[in-house]
PDB file of N, CA and C in Angstrom:
ATOM      1  N   UNK A   1       0.864  -1.190   0.018  1.00  0.00           N
ATOM      2  CA  UNK A   1      -0.059   0.018  -0.015  1.00  0.00           C
ATOM      3  C   UNK A   1       0.849   1.227   0.035  1.00  0.00           C
ATOM      4  N   UNK A   2       0.545   2.169  -0.821  1.00  0.00           N
ATOM      5  CA  UNK A   2       1.389   3.361  -0.990  1.00  0.00           C
ATOM      6  C   UNK A   2       1.114   4.326   0.169  1.00  0.00           C
ATOM      7  N   UNK A   3       1.875   5.351   0.285  1.00  0.00           N
ATOM      8  CA  UNK A   3       1.765   6.335   1.315  1.00  0.00           C
ATOM      9  C   UNK A   3       0.451   7.151   1.063  1.00  0.00           C
ATOM     10  N   UNK A   4       0.168   7.386  -0.101  1.00  0.00           N
ATOM     11  CA  UNK A   4      -1.049   8.072  -0.485  1.00  0.00           C
ATOM     12  C   UNK A   4      -2.353   7.323  -0.059  1.00  0.00           C
ATOM     13  N   UNK A   5      -2.303   5.957  -0.329  1.00  0.00           N
ATOM     14  CA  UNK A   5      -3.426   5.142   0.025  1.00  0.00           C
ATOM     15  C   UNK A   5      -3.537   5.172   1.535  1.00  0.00           C
ATOM     16  N   UNK A   6      -2.412   5.076   2.252  1.00  0.00           N
ATOM     17  CA  UNK A   6      -2.478   5.073   3.835  1.00  0.00           C
ATOM     18  C   UNK A   6      -3.094   6.447   4.186  1.00  0.00           C
ATOM     19  N   UNK A   7      -2.677   7.538   3.556  1.00  0.00           N
ATOM     20  CA  UNK A   7      -3.281   8.866   3.974  1.00  0.00           C
ATOM     21  C   UNK A   7      -4.776   8.909   3.768  1.00  0.00           C
ATOM     22  N   UNK A   8      -5.153   8.440   2.648  1.00  0.00           N
ATOM     23  CA  UNK A   8      -6.633   8.361   2.210  1.00  0.00           C
ATOM     24  C   UNK A   8      -7.514   7.591   3.213  1.00  0.00           C
ATOM     25  N   UNK A   9      -6.939   6.379   3.543  1.00  0.00           N
ATOM     26  CA  UNK A   9      -7.606   5.498   4.519  1.00  0.00           C
ATOM     27  C   UNK A   9      -7.658   6.005   5.834  1.00  0.00           C
ATOM     28  N   UNK A  10      -6.550   6.735   6.294  1.00  0.00           N
ATOM     29  CA  UNK A  10      -6.559   7.395   7.531  1.00  0.00           C
ATOM     30  C   UNK A  10      -7.575   8.430   7.591  1.00  0.00           C
ATOM     31  N   UNK A  11      -7.733   9.249   6.513  1.00  0.00           N
ATOM     32  CA  UNK A  11      -8.623  10.387   6.429  1.00  0.00           C
ATOM     33  C   UNK A  11     -10.136   9.767   6.617  1.00  0.00           C
ATOM     34  N   UNK A  12     -10.333   8.596   5.846  1.00  0.00           N
ATOM     35  CA  UNK A  12     -11.726   8.012   5.808  1.00  0.00           C
ATOM     36  C   UNK A  12     -11.967   7.591   7.245  1.00  0.00           C
ATOM     37  N   UNK A  13     -10.936   6.893   7.877  1.00  0.00           N
ATOM     38  CA  UNK A  13     -11.196   6.468   9.247  1.00  0.00           C
ATOM     39  C   UNK A  13     -11.614   7.549  10.201  1.00  0.00           C
ATOM     40  N   UNK A  14     -10.812   8.658  10.112  1.00  0.00           N
ATOM     41  CA  UNK A  14     -10.917   9.815  11.019  1.00  0.00           C
ATOM     42  C   UNK A  14     -12.323  10.350  10.871  1.00  0.00           C
ATOM     43  N   UNK A  15     -12.705  10.545   9.661  1.00  0.00           N
ATOM     44  CA  UNK A  15     -14.047  11.049   9.324  1.00  0.00           C
ATOM     45  C   UNK A  15     -15.232  10.189   9.884  1.00  0.00           C
ATOM     46  N   UNK A  16     -15.069   8.855   9.665  1.00  0.00           N
ATOM     47  CA  UNK A  16     -16.058   7.928  10.117  1.00  0.00           C
ATOM     48  C   UNK A  16     -16.051   7.890  11.638  1.00  0.00           C
ATOM     49  N   UNK A  17     -14.835   7.972  12.236  1.00  0.00           N
ATOM     50  CA  UNK A  17     -14.627   7.944  13.695  1.00  0.00           C
ATOM     51  C   UNK A  17     -15.413   9.247  14.310  1.00  0.00           C
ATOM     52  N   UNK A  18     -15.209  10.361  13.670  1.00  0.00           N
ATOM     53  CA  UNK A  18     -15.725  11.553  14.094  1.00  0.00           C
ATOM     54  C   UNK A  18     -17.188  11.496  14.127  1.00  0.00           C
ATOM     55  N   UNK A  19     -17.893  10.728  13.360  1.00  0.00           N
ATOM     56  CA  UNK A  19     -19.343  10.569  13.400  1.00  0.00           C
ATOM     57  C   UNK A  19     -19.736   9.352  14.358  1.00  0.00           C
ATOM     58  N   UNK A  20     -18.818   8.885  15.125  1.00  0.00           N
ATOM     59  CA  UNK A  20     -18.960   7.809  16.058  1.00  0.00           C
ATOM     60  C   UNK A  20     -19.604   6.529  15.417  1.00  0.00           C
ATOM     61  N   UNK A  21     -19.068   6.198  14.254  1.00  0.00           N
ATOM     62  CA  UNK A  21     -19.635   5.000  13.551  1.00  0.00           C
ATOM     63  C   UNK A  21     -18.877   3.828  14.101  1.00  0.00           C
ATOM     64  N   UNK A  22     -19.657   2.685  14.179  1.00  0.00           N
ATOM     65  CA  UNK A  22     -18.903   1.450  14.587  1.00  0.00           C
ATOM     66  C   UNK A  22     -18.511   0.840  13.291  1.00  0.00           C
ATOM     67  N   UNK A  23     -17.140   0.776  13.117  1.00  0.00           N
ATOM     68  CA  UNK A  23     -16.401   0.357  11.887  1.00  0.00           C
ATOM     69  C   UNK A  23     -16.102  -1.177  11.986  1.00  0.00           C
ATOM     70  N   UNK A  24     -16.272  -1.794  10.790  1.00  0.00           N
ATOM     71  CA  UNK A  24     -15.859  -3.204  10.633  1.00  0.00           C
ATOM     72  C   UNK A  24     -14.373  -3.175  10.207  1.00  0.00           C
ATOM     73  N   UNK A  25     -13.877  -4.371  10.231  1.00  0.00           N
ATOM     74  CA  UNK A  25     -12.430  -4.389   9.751  1.00  0.00           C
ATOM     75  C   UNK A  25     -12.278  -4.439   8.294  1.00  0.00           C
ATOM     76  N   UNK A  26     -13.288  -4.663   7.546  1.00  0.00           N
ATOM     77  CA  UNK A  26     -13.223  -4.872   6.053  1.00  0.00           C
ATOM     78  C   UNK A  26     -13.415  -3.524   5.297  1.00  0.00           C
ATOM     79  N   UNK A  27     -13.117  -3.523   3.963  1.00  0.00           N
ATOM     80  CA  UNK A  27     -13.451  -2.448   3.179  1.00  0.00           C
ATOM     81  C   UNK A  27     -14.392  -2.856   2.085  1.00  0.00           C
ATOM     82  N   UNK A  28     -15.099  -1.880   1.432  1.00  0.00           N
ATOM     83  CA  UNK A  28     -16.103  -2.122   0.435  1.00  0.00           C
ATOM     84  C   UNK A  28     -15.454  -1.277  -0.772  1.00  0.00           C
ATOM     85  N   UNK A  29     -15.459  -1.826  -1.878  1.00  0.00           N
ATOM     86  CA  UNK A  29     -15.161  -1.155  -3.183  1.00  0.00           C
ATOM     87  C   UNK A  29     -16.329  -0.311  -3.591  1.00  0.00           C
ATOM     88  N   UNK A  30     -16.062   0.841  -4.166  1.00  0.00           N
ATOM     89  CA  UNK A  30     -17.129   1.679  -4.668  1.00  0.00           C
ATOM     90  C   UNK A  30     -18.057   1.073  -5.614  1.00  0.00           C
ATOM     91  N   UNK A  31     -17.635   0.094  -6.408  1.00  0.00           N
ATOM     92  CA  UNK A  31     -18.390  -0.513  -7.408  1.00  0.00           C
ATOM     93  C   UNK A  31     -19.290  -1.553  -6.801  1.00  0.00           C
ATOM     94  N   UNK A  32     -19.129  -1.861  -5.462  1.00  0.00           N
ATOM     95  CA  UNK A  32     -20.059  -2.832  -4.770  1.00  0.00           C
ATOM     96  C   UNK A  32     -21.165  -2.082  -4.056  1.00  0.00           C
ATOM     97  N   UNK A  33     -21.185  -0.759  -4.082  1.00  0.00           N
ATOM     98  CA  UNK A  33     -22.252  -0.094  -3.438  1.00  0.00           C
ATOM     99  C   UNK A  33     -23.431   0.020  -4.353  1.00  0.00           C
ATOM    100  N   UNK A  34     -24.562  -0.489  -3.779  1.00  0.00           N
ATOM    101  CA  UNK A  34     -25.812  -0.679  -4.567  1.00  0.00           C
ATOM    102  C   UNK A  34     -26.877   0.376  -4.165  1.00  0.00           C
ATOM    103  N   UNK A  35     -27.932   0.387  -5.095  1.00  0.00           N
ATOM    104  CA  UNK A  35     -29.102   1.287  -4.739  1.00  0.00           C
ATOM    105  C   UNK A  35     -29.553   0.879  -3.312  1.00  0.00           C
ATOM    106  N   UNK A  36     -29.828   1.949  -2.551  1.00  0.00           N
ATOM    107  CA  UNK A  36     -30.409   1.710  -1.217  1.00  0.00           C
ATOM    108  C   UNK A  36     -29.422   1.780  -0.096  1.00  0.00           C
ATOM    109  N   UNK A  37     -28.095   1.614  -0.458  1.00  0.00           N
ATOM    110  CA  UNK A  37     -27.079   1.723   0.612  1.00  0.00           C
ATOM    111  C   UNK A  37     -27.013   3.127   1.143  1.00  0.00           C
ATOM    112  N   UNK A  38     -26.834   3.277   2.413  1.00  0.00           N
ATOM    113  CA  UNK A  38     -26.606   4.553   3.055  1.00  0.00           C
ATOM    114  C   UNK A  38     -25.050   4.747   3.193  1.00  0.00           C
ATOM    115  N   UNK A  39     -24.573   5.923   2.842  1.00  0.00           N
ATOM    116  CA  UNK A  39     -23.203   6.249   2.784  1.00  0.00           C
ATOM    117  C   UNK A  39     -22.911   7.441   3.531  1.00  0.00           C
ATOM    118  N   UNK A  40     -21.678   7.624   3.916  1.00  0.00           N
ATOM    119  CA  UNK A  40     -21.092   8.834   4.518  1.00  0.00           C
ATOM    120  C   UNK A  40     -20.168   9.410   3.494  1.00  0.00           C
ATOM    121  N   UNK A  41     -20.411  10.718   3.282  1.00  0.00           N
ATOM    122  CA  UNK A  41     -19.580  11.479   2.220  1.00  0.00           C
ATOM    123  C   UNK A  41     -18.473  12.217   2.953  1.00  0.00           C
ATOM    124  N   UNK A  42     -17.433  12.573   2.121  1.00  0.00           N
ATOM    125  CA  UNK A  42     -16.279  13.227   2.654  1.00  0.00           C
ATOM    126  C   UNK A  42     -16.528  14.578   3.289  1.00  0.00           C
ATOM    127  N   UNK A  43     -17.622  15.264   2.914  1.00  0.00           N
ATOM    128  CA  UNK A  43     -17.988  16.457   3.569  1.00  0.00           C
ATOM    129  C   UNK A  43     -18.760  16.314   4.821  1.00  0.00           C
ATOM    130  N   UNK A  44     -18.923  15.093   5.216  1.00  0.00           N
ATOM    131  CA  UNK A  44     -19.632  14.801   6.437  1.00  0.00           C
ATOM    132  C   UNK A  44     -21.234  14.577   6.409  1.00  0.00           C
ATOM    133  N   UNK A  45     -21.746  14.729   5.182  1.00  0.00           N
ATOM    134  CA  UNK A  45     -23.092  14.452   4.988  1.00  0.00           C
ATOM    135  C   UNK A  45     -23.372  13.047   4.733  1.00  0.00           C
ATOM    136  N   UNK A  46     -24.647  12.561   4.972  1.00  0.00           N
ATOM    137  CA  UNK A  46     -25.057  11.266   4.604  1.00  0.00           C
ATOM    138  C   UNK A  46     -25.837  11.279   3.281  1.00  0.00           C
ATOM    139  N   UNK A  47     -25.905  10.121   2.693  1.00  0.00           N
ATOM    140  CA  UNK A  47     -26.589   9.984   1.358  1.00  0.00           C
ATOM    141  C   UNK A  47     -27.100   8.649   1.176  1.00  0.00           C
ATOM    142  N   UNK A  48     -28.158   8.351   0.464  1.00  0.00           N
ATOM    143  CA  UNK A  48     -28.696   7.053   0.059  1.00  0.00           C
ATOM    144  C   UNK A  48     -28.508   6.901  -1.382  1.00  0.00           C
ATOM    145  N   UNK A  49     -27.813   5.826  -1.748  1.00  0.00           N
ATOM    146  CA  UNK A  49     -27.570   5.613  -3.266  1.00  0.00           C
ATOM    147  C   UNK A  49     -28.853   5.326  -3.931  1.00  0.00           C
ATOM    148  N   UNK A  50     -28.941   5.850  -5.161  1.00  0.00           N
ATOM    149  CA  UNK A  50     -30.134   5.813  -5.953  1.00  0.00           C
ATOM    150  C   UNK A  50     -29.886   5.008  -7.232  1.00  0.00           C
ATOM    151  N   UNK A  51     -28.699   4.449  -7.491  1.00  0.00           N
ATOM    152  CA  UNK A  51     -28.417   3.764  -8.614  1.00  0.00           C
ATOM    153  C   UNK A  51     -27.471   2.569  -8.374  1.00  0.00           C
ATOM    154  N   UNK A  52     -27.315   1.668  -9.372  1.00  0.00           N
ATOM    155  CA  UNK A  52     -26.330   0.651  -9.379  1.00  0.00           C
ATOM    156  C   UNK A  52     -25.244   0.769 -10.226  1.00  0.00           C
ATOM    157  N   UNK A  53     -24.890   1.964 -10.784  1.00  0.00           N
ATOM    158  CA  UNK A  53     -23.847   2.234 -11.704  1.00  0.00           C
ATOM    159  C   UNK A  53     -22.503   2.045 -11.095  1.00  0.00           C
ATOM    160  N   UNK A  54     -21.453   1.915 -11.977  1.00  0.00           N
ATOM    161  CA  UNK A  54     -20.181   1.925 -11.632  1.00  0.00           C
ATOM    162  C   UNK A  54     -19.367   3.153 -12.173  1.00  0.00           C
ATOM    163  N   UNK A  55     -18.351   3.556 -11.644  1.00  0.00           N
ATOM    164  CA  UNK A  55     -17.591   4.617 -12.365  1.00  0.00           C
ATOM    165  C   UNK A  55     -17.392   5.765 -11.413  1.00  0.00           C
ATOM    166  N   UNK A  56     -17.075   7.023 -11.941  1.00  0.00           N
ATOM    167  CA  UNK A  56     -16.705   8.089 -11.275  1.00  0.00           C
ATOM    168  C   UNK A  56     -17.710   8.938 -10.539  1.00  0.00           C
ATOM    169  N   UNK A  57     -18.937   8.785 -11.029  1.00  0.00           N
ATOM    170  CA  UNK A  57     -20.064   9.490 -10.399  1.00  0.00           C
ATOM    171  C   UNK A  57     -21.242   8.625 -10.144  1.00  0.00           C
ATOM    172  N   UNK A  58     -22.093   8.913  -9.119  1.00  0.00           N
ATOM    173  CA  UNK A  58     -23.141   8.191  -8.660  1.00  0.00           C
ATOM    174  C   UNK A  58     -24.337   9.031  -8.358  1.00  0.00           C
ATOM    175  N   UNK A  59     -25.476   8.507  -8.458  1.00  0.00           N
ATOM    176  CA  UNK A  59     -26.694   9.311  -8.193  1.00  0.00           C
ATOM    177  C   UNK A  59     -27.130   8.874  -6.724  1.00  0.00           C
ATOM    178  N   UNK A  60     -27.254   9.975  -5.987  1.00  0.00           N
ATOM    179  CA  UNK A  60     -27.610   9.805  -4.568  1.00  0.00           C
ATOM    180  C   UNK A  60     -28.635  10.753  -4.013  1.00  0.00           C
ATOM    181  N   UNK A  61     -29.476  10.411  -2.964  1.00  0.00           N
ATOM    182  CA  UNK A  61     -30.335  11.347  -2.318  1.00  0.00           C
ATOM    183  C   UNK A  61     -29.402  11.815  -1.068  1.00  0.00           C
ATOM    184  N   UNK A  62     -28.967  13.125  -1.250  1.00  0.00           N
ATOM    185  CA  UNK A  62     -28.024  13.666  -0.171  1.00  0.00           C
ATOM    186  C   UNK A  62     -28.726  14.407   0.817  1.00  0.00           C
ATOM    187  N   UNK A  63     -28.439  14.095   2.136  1.00  0.00           N
ATOM    188  CA  UNK A  63     -29.006  14.775   3.199  1.00  0.00           C
ATOM    189  C   UNK A  63     -28.017  15.845   3.740  1.00  0.00           C
ATOM    190  N   UNK A  64     -28.093  16.964   3.107  1.00  0.00           N
ATOM    191  CA  UNK A  64     -27.314  18.086   3.492  1.00  0.00           C
ATOM    192  C   UNK A  64     -28.063  19.154   4.085  1.00  0.00           C
ATOM    193  N   UNK A  65     -27.866  20.340   3.690  1.00  0.00           N
ATOM    194  CA  UNK A  65     -28.609  21.528   4.195  1.00  0.00           C
ATOM    195  C   UNK A  65     -30.132  21.245   3.876  1.00  0.00           C
ATOM    196  N   UNK A  66     -30.330  20.714   2.668  1.00  0.00           N
ATOM    197  CA  UNK A  66     -31.611  20.242   2.150  1.00  0.00           C
ATOM    198  C   UNK A  66     -31.431  18.809   1.749  1.00  0.00           C
ATOM    199  N   UNK A  67     -32.508  18.025   1.552  1.00  0.00           N
ATOM    200  CA  UNK A  67     -32.488  16.705   1.086  1.00  0.00           C
ATOM    201  C   UNK A  67     -32.781  16.785  -0.427  1.00  0.00           C
ATOM    202  N   UNK A  68     -31.766  16.395  -1.205  1.00  0.00           N
ATOM    203  CA  UNK A  68     -31.961  16.519  -2.610  1.00  0.00           C
ATOM    204  C   UNK A  68     -31.125  15.401  -3.341  1.00  0.00           C
ATOM    205  N   UNK A  69     -31.696  15.036  -4.558  1.00  0.00           N
ATOM    206  CA  UNK A  69     -31.008  14.034  -5.336  1.00  0.00           C
ATOM    207  C   UNK A  69     -30.020  14.811  -6.239  1.00  0.00           C
ATOM    208  N   UNK A  70     -28.847  14.111  -6.376  1.00  0.00           N
ATOM    209  CA  UNK A  70     -27.798  14.611  -7.289  1.00  0.00           C
ATOM    210  C   UNK A  70     -26.612  13.718  -7.443  1.00  0.00           C
ATOM    211  N   UNK A  71     -25.701  14.105  -8.210  1.00  0.00           N
ATOM    212  CA  UNK A  71     -24.461  13.207  -8.559  1.00  0.00           C
ATOM    213  C   UNK A  71     -23.577  13.491  -7.489  1.00  0.00           C
ATOM    214  N   UNK A  72     -22.839  12.515  -7.081  1.00  0.00           N
ATOM    215  CA  UNK A  72     -21.698  12.637  -6.109  1.00  0.00           C
ATOM    216  C   UNK A  72     -20.454  11.815  -6.790  1.00  0.00           C
ATOM    217  N   UNK A  73     -19.283  12.430  -6.574  1.00  0.00           N
ATOM    218  CA  UNK A  73     -18.122  11.644  -6.987  1.00  0.00           C
ATOM    219  C   UNK A  73     -17.833  10.453  -6.072  1.00  0.00           C
ATOM    220  N   UNK A  74     -17.590   9.300  -6.833  1.00  0.00           N
ATOM    221  CA  UNK A  74     -17.359   8.071  -6.108  1.00  0.00           C
ATOM    222  C   UNK A  74     -16.187   8.187  -4.990  1.00  0.00           C
ATOM    223  N   UNK A  75     -15.240   9.074  -5.380  1.00  0.00           N
ATOM    224  CA  UNK A  75     -14.097   9.303  -4.454  1.00  0.00           C
ATOM    225  C   UNK A  75     -14.551  10.073  -3.137  1.00  0.00           C
ATOM    226  N   UNK A  76     -15.761  10.637  -3.203  1.00  0.00           N
ATOM    227  CA  UNK A  76     -16.161  11.310  -1.957  1.00  0.00           C
ATOM    228  C   UNK A  76     -16.994  10.435  -1.041  1.00  0.00           C
ATOM    229  N   UNK A  77     -17.168   9.170  -1.408  1.00  0.00           N
ATOM    230  CA  UNK A  77     -17.890   8.209  -0.489  1.00  0.00           C
ATOM    231  C   UNK A  77     -16.912   7.654   0.473  1.00  0.00           C
ATOM    232  N   UNK A  78     -17.045   7.946   1.712  1.00  0.00           N
ATOM    233  CA  UNK A  78     -16.036   7.441   2.747  1.00  0.00           C
ATOM    234  C   UNK A  78     -16.416   6.123   3.379  1.00  0.00           C
ATOM    235  N   UNK A  79     -17.624   5.941   3.698  1.00  0.00           N
ATOM    236  CA  UNK A  79     -18.051   4.725   4.430  1.00  0.00           C
ATOM    237  C   UNK A  79     -19.419   4.279   3.895  1.00  0.00           C
ATOM    238  N   UNK A  80     -19.768   2.995   4.136  1.00  0.00           N
ATOM    239  CA  UNK A  80     -21.039   2.454   3.696  1.00  0.00           C
ATOM    240  C   UNK A  80     -21.626   1.686   4.905  1.00  0.00           C
ATOM    241  N   UNK A  81     -22.950   1.951   5.070  1.00  0.00           N
ATOM    242  CA  UNK A  81     -23.594   1.244   6.214  1.00  0.00           C
ATOM    243  C   UNK A  81     -23.937  -0.186   5.760  1.00  0.00           C
ATOM    244  N   UNK A  82     -23.692  -1.058   6.723  1.00  0.00           N
ATOM    245  CA  UNK A  82     -23.998  -2.585   6.475  1.00  0.00           C
ATOM    246  C   UNK A  82     -25.490  -2.745   6.409  1.00  0.00           C
ATOM    247  N   UNK A  83     -25.870  -3.509   5.338  1.00  0.00           N
ATOM    248  CA  UNK A  83     -27.357  -3.749   5.031  1.00  0.00           C
ATOM    249  C   UNK A  83     -27.996  -4.550   6.105  1.00  0.00           C
ATOM    250  N   UNK A  84     -27.216  -5.538   6.714  1.00  0.00           N
ATOM    251  CA  UNK A  84     -27.856  -6.466   7.722  1.00  0.00           C
ATOM    252  C   UNK A  84     -27.713  -5.913   9.200  1.00  0.00           C
ATOM    253  N   UNK A  85     -26.727  -5.030   9.456  1.00  0.00           N
ATOM    254  CA  UNK A  85     -26.491  -4.470  10.739  1.00  0.00           C
ATOM    255  C   UNK A  85     -26.401  -2.943  10.593  1.00  0.00           C
ATOM    256  N   UNK A  86     -27.437  -2.281  10.914  1.00  0.00           N
ATOM    257  CA  UNK A  86     -27.455  -0.836  10.720  1.00  0.00           C
ATOM    258  C   UNK A  86     -26.293   0.040  11.584  1.00  0.00           C
ATOM    259  N   UNK A  87     -25.883  -0.712  12.556  1.00  0.00           N
ATOM    260  CA  UNK A  87     -24.877  -0.136  13.510  1.00  0.00           C
ATOM    261  C   UNK A  87     -23.498  -0.285  12.973  1.00  0.00           C
ATOM    262  N   UNK A  88     -23.314  -1.091  11.981  1.00  0.00           N
ATOM    263  CA  UNK A  88     -21.985  -1.378  11.489  1.00  0.00           C
ATOM    264  C   UNK A  88     -21.862  -0.624  10.068  1.00  0.00           C
ATOM    265  N   UNK A  89     -20.557   0.015   9.983  1.00  0.00           N
ATOM    266  CA  UNK A  89     -20.197   0.628   8.818  1.00  0.00           C
ATOM    267  C   UNK A  89     -18.852   0.046   8.269  1.00  0.00           C
ATOM    268  N   UNK A  90     -18.723   0.130   6.943  1.00  0.00           N
ATOM    269  CA  UNK A  90     -17.505  -0.344   6.206  1.00  0.00           C
ATOM    270  C   UNK A  90     -16.802   0.881   5.626  1.00  0.00           C
ATOM    271  N   UNK A  91     -15.503   1.053   5.717  1.00  0.00           N
ATOM    272  CA  UNK A  91     -14.722   1.991   4.967  1.00  0.00           C
ATOM    273  C   UNK A  91     -14.689   1.633   3.471  1.00  0.00           C
ATOM    274  N   UNK A  92     -14.587   2.672   2.723  1.00  0.00           N
ATOM    275  CA  UNK A  92     -14.589   2.420   1.204  1.00  0.00           C
ATOM    276  C   UNK A  92     -13.119   2.447   0.669  1.00  0.00           C
ATOM    277  N   UNK A  93     -12.839   1.461  -0.151  1.00  0.00           N
ATOM    278  CA  UNK A  93     -11.661   1.412  -0.940  1.00  0.00           C
ATOM    279  C   UNK A  93     -11.939   1.961  -2.474  1.00  0.00           C
ATOM    280  N   UNK A  94     -11.153   2.962  -2.639  1.00  0.00           N
ATOM    281  CA  UNK A  94     -11.385   3.653  -3.992  1.00  0.00           C
ATOM    282  C   UNK A  94     -10.392   2.983  -5.121  1.00  0.00           C
ATOM    283  N   UNK A  95     -10.796   3.070  -6.361  1.00  0.00           N
ATOM    284  CA  UNK A  95      -9.956   2.573  -7.399  1.00  0.00           C
ATOM    285  C   UNK A  95      -8.848   3.528  -7.711  1.00  0.00           C
ATOM    286  N   UNK A  96      -7.984   3.092  -8.548  1.00  0.00           N
ATOM    287  CA  UNK A  96      -6.840   4.094  -8.969  1.00  0.00           C
ATOM    288  C   UNK A  96      -7.327   5.179  -9.747  1.00  0.00           C
ATOM    289  N   UNK A  97      -8.257   5.027 -10.629  1.00  0.00           N
ATOM    290  CA  UNK A  97      -8.825   6.154 -11.383  1.00  0.00           C
ATOM    291  C   UNK A  97      -9.626   7.111 -10.550  1.00  0.00           C
ATOM    292  N   UNK A  98     -10.241   6.634  -9.501  1.00  0.00           N
ATOM    293  CA  UNK A  98     -10.888   7.554  -8.601  1.00  0.00           C
ATOM    294  C   UNK A  98      -9.964   8.331  -7.746  1.00  0.00           C
ATOM    295  N   UNK A  99      -8.945   7.758  -7.328  1.00  0.00           N
ATOM    296  CA  UNK A  99      -7.977   8.488  -6.622  1.00  0.00           C
ATOM    297  C   UNK A  99      -7.282   9.462  -7.529  1.00  0.00           C
ATOM    298  N   UNK A 100      -6.906   9.175  -8.789  1.00  0.00           N
ATOM    299  CA  UNK A 100      -6.407  10.088  -9.682  1.00  0.00           C
ATOM    300  C   UNK A 100      -7.306  11.262  -9.850  1.00  0.00           C
ATOM    301  N   UNK A 101      -8.574  11.067 -10.045  1.00  0.00           N
ATOM    302  CA  UNK A 101      -9.551  12.123 -10.275  1.00  0.00           C
ATOM    303  C   UNK A 101      -9.571  13.065  -9.014  1.00  0.00           C
ATOM    304  N   UNK A 102      -9.580  12.366  -7.827  1.00  0.00           N
ATOM    305  CA  UNK A 102      -9.629  13.276  -6.575  1.00  0.00           C
ATOM    306  C   UNK A 102      -8.293  14.208  -6.508  1.00  0.00           C
ATOM    307  N   UNK A 103      -7.163  13.529  -6.924  1.00  0.00           N
ATOM    308  CA  UNK A 103      -5.930  14.326  -6.949  1.00  0.00           C
ATOM    309  C   UNK A 103      -6.077  15.519  -7.941  1.00  0.00           C
ATOM    310  N   UNK A 104      -6.596  15.270  -9.211  1.00  0.00           N
ATOM    311  CA  UNK A 104      -6.708  16.281 -10.191  1.00  0.00           C
ATOM    312  C   UNK A 104      -7.574  17.385  -9.739  1.00  0.00           C
ATOM    313  N   UNK A 105      -8.765  17.082  -9.071  1.00  0.00           N
ATOM    314  CA  UNK A 105      -9.682  18.017  -8.686  1.00  0.00           C
ATOM    315  C   UNK A 105      -9.027  18.895  -7.460  1.00  0.00           C
ATOM    316  N   UNK A 106      -8.389  18.214  -6.622  1.00  0.00           N
ATOM    317  CA  UNK A 106      -7.649  19.036  -5.519  1.00  0.00           C
ATOM    318  C   UNK A 106      -6.632  19.937  -6.046  1.00  0.00           C
ATOM    319  N   UNK A 107      -5.992  19.454  -7.124  1.00  0.00           N
ATOM    320  CA  UNK A 107      -4.967  20.254  -7.742  1.00  0.00           C
ATOM    321  C   UNK A 107      -5.475  21.559  -8.382  1.00  0.00           C
ATOM    322  N   UNK A 108      -6.700  21.337  -9.004  1.00  0.00           N
ATOM    323  CA  UNK A 108      -7.369  22.462  -9.763  1.00  0.00           C
ATOM    324  C   UNK A 108      -7.856  23.489  -8.748  1.00  0.00           C
ATOM    325  N   UNK A 109      -8.387  23.133  -7.631  1.00  0.00           N
ATOM    326  CA  UNK A 109      -9.080  23.950  -6.696  1.00  0.00           C
ATOM    327  C   UNK A 109      -8.143  24.462  -5.571  1.00  0.00           C
ATOM    328  N   UNK A 110      -7.014  23.853  -5.386  1.00  0.00           N
ATOM    329  CA  UNK A 110      -6.208  24.278  -4.294  1.00  0.00           C
ATOM    330  C   UNK A 110      -4.931  24.926  -4.852  1.00  0.00           C
ATOM    331  N   UNK A 111      -4.892  25.346  -6.088  1.00  0.00           N
ATOM    332  CA  UNK A 111      -3.686  25.989  -6.510  1.00  0.00           C
ATOM    333  C   UNK A 111      -3.821  27.452  -6.814  1.00  0.00           C
TER     334      UNK A 111
END
């Protein structure tokens, strides 16, 4: 695992821990997240997935200032609630292309 992967996983863990989520030891790949899964986003908001697509963006009902449907970047999904045990959450493992897009976006907006 590279240093960048460790940093991303540490950030995901810290955000999930800040929400007092009970974390499992395993990871879920973003492409395994299905319609109806409840997720934690990197901005601290929760969302419910509305599609079964794979790739860089997903459709979700986001519970932010308002509750609204919209696209979210896959790399912004931090944790997924377990379907069988609502108290249990799994951290998300992002693909190489999702990590690359996150880096590019951060580069564009932080320069």
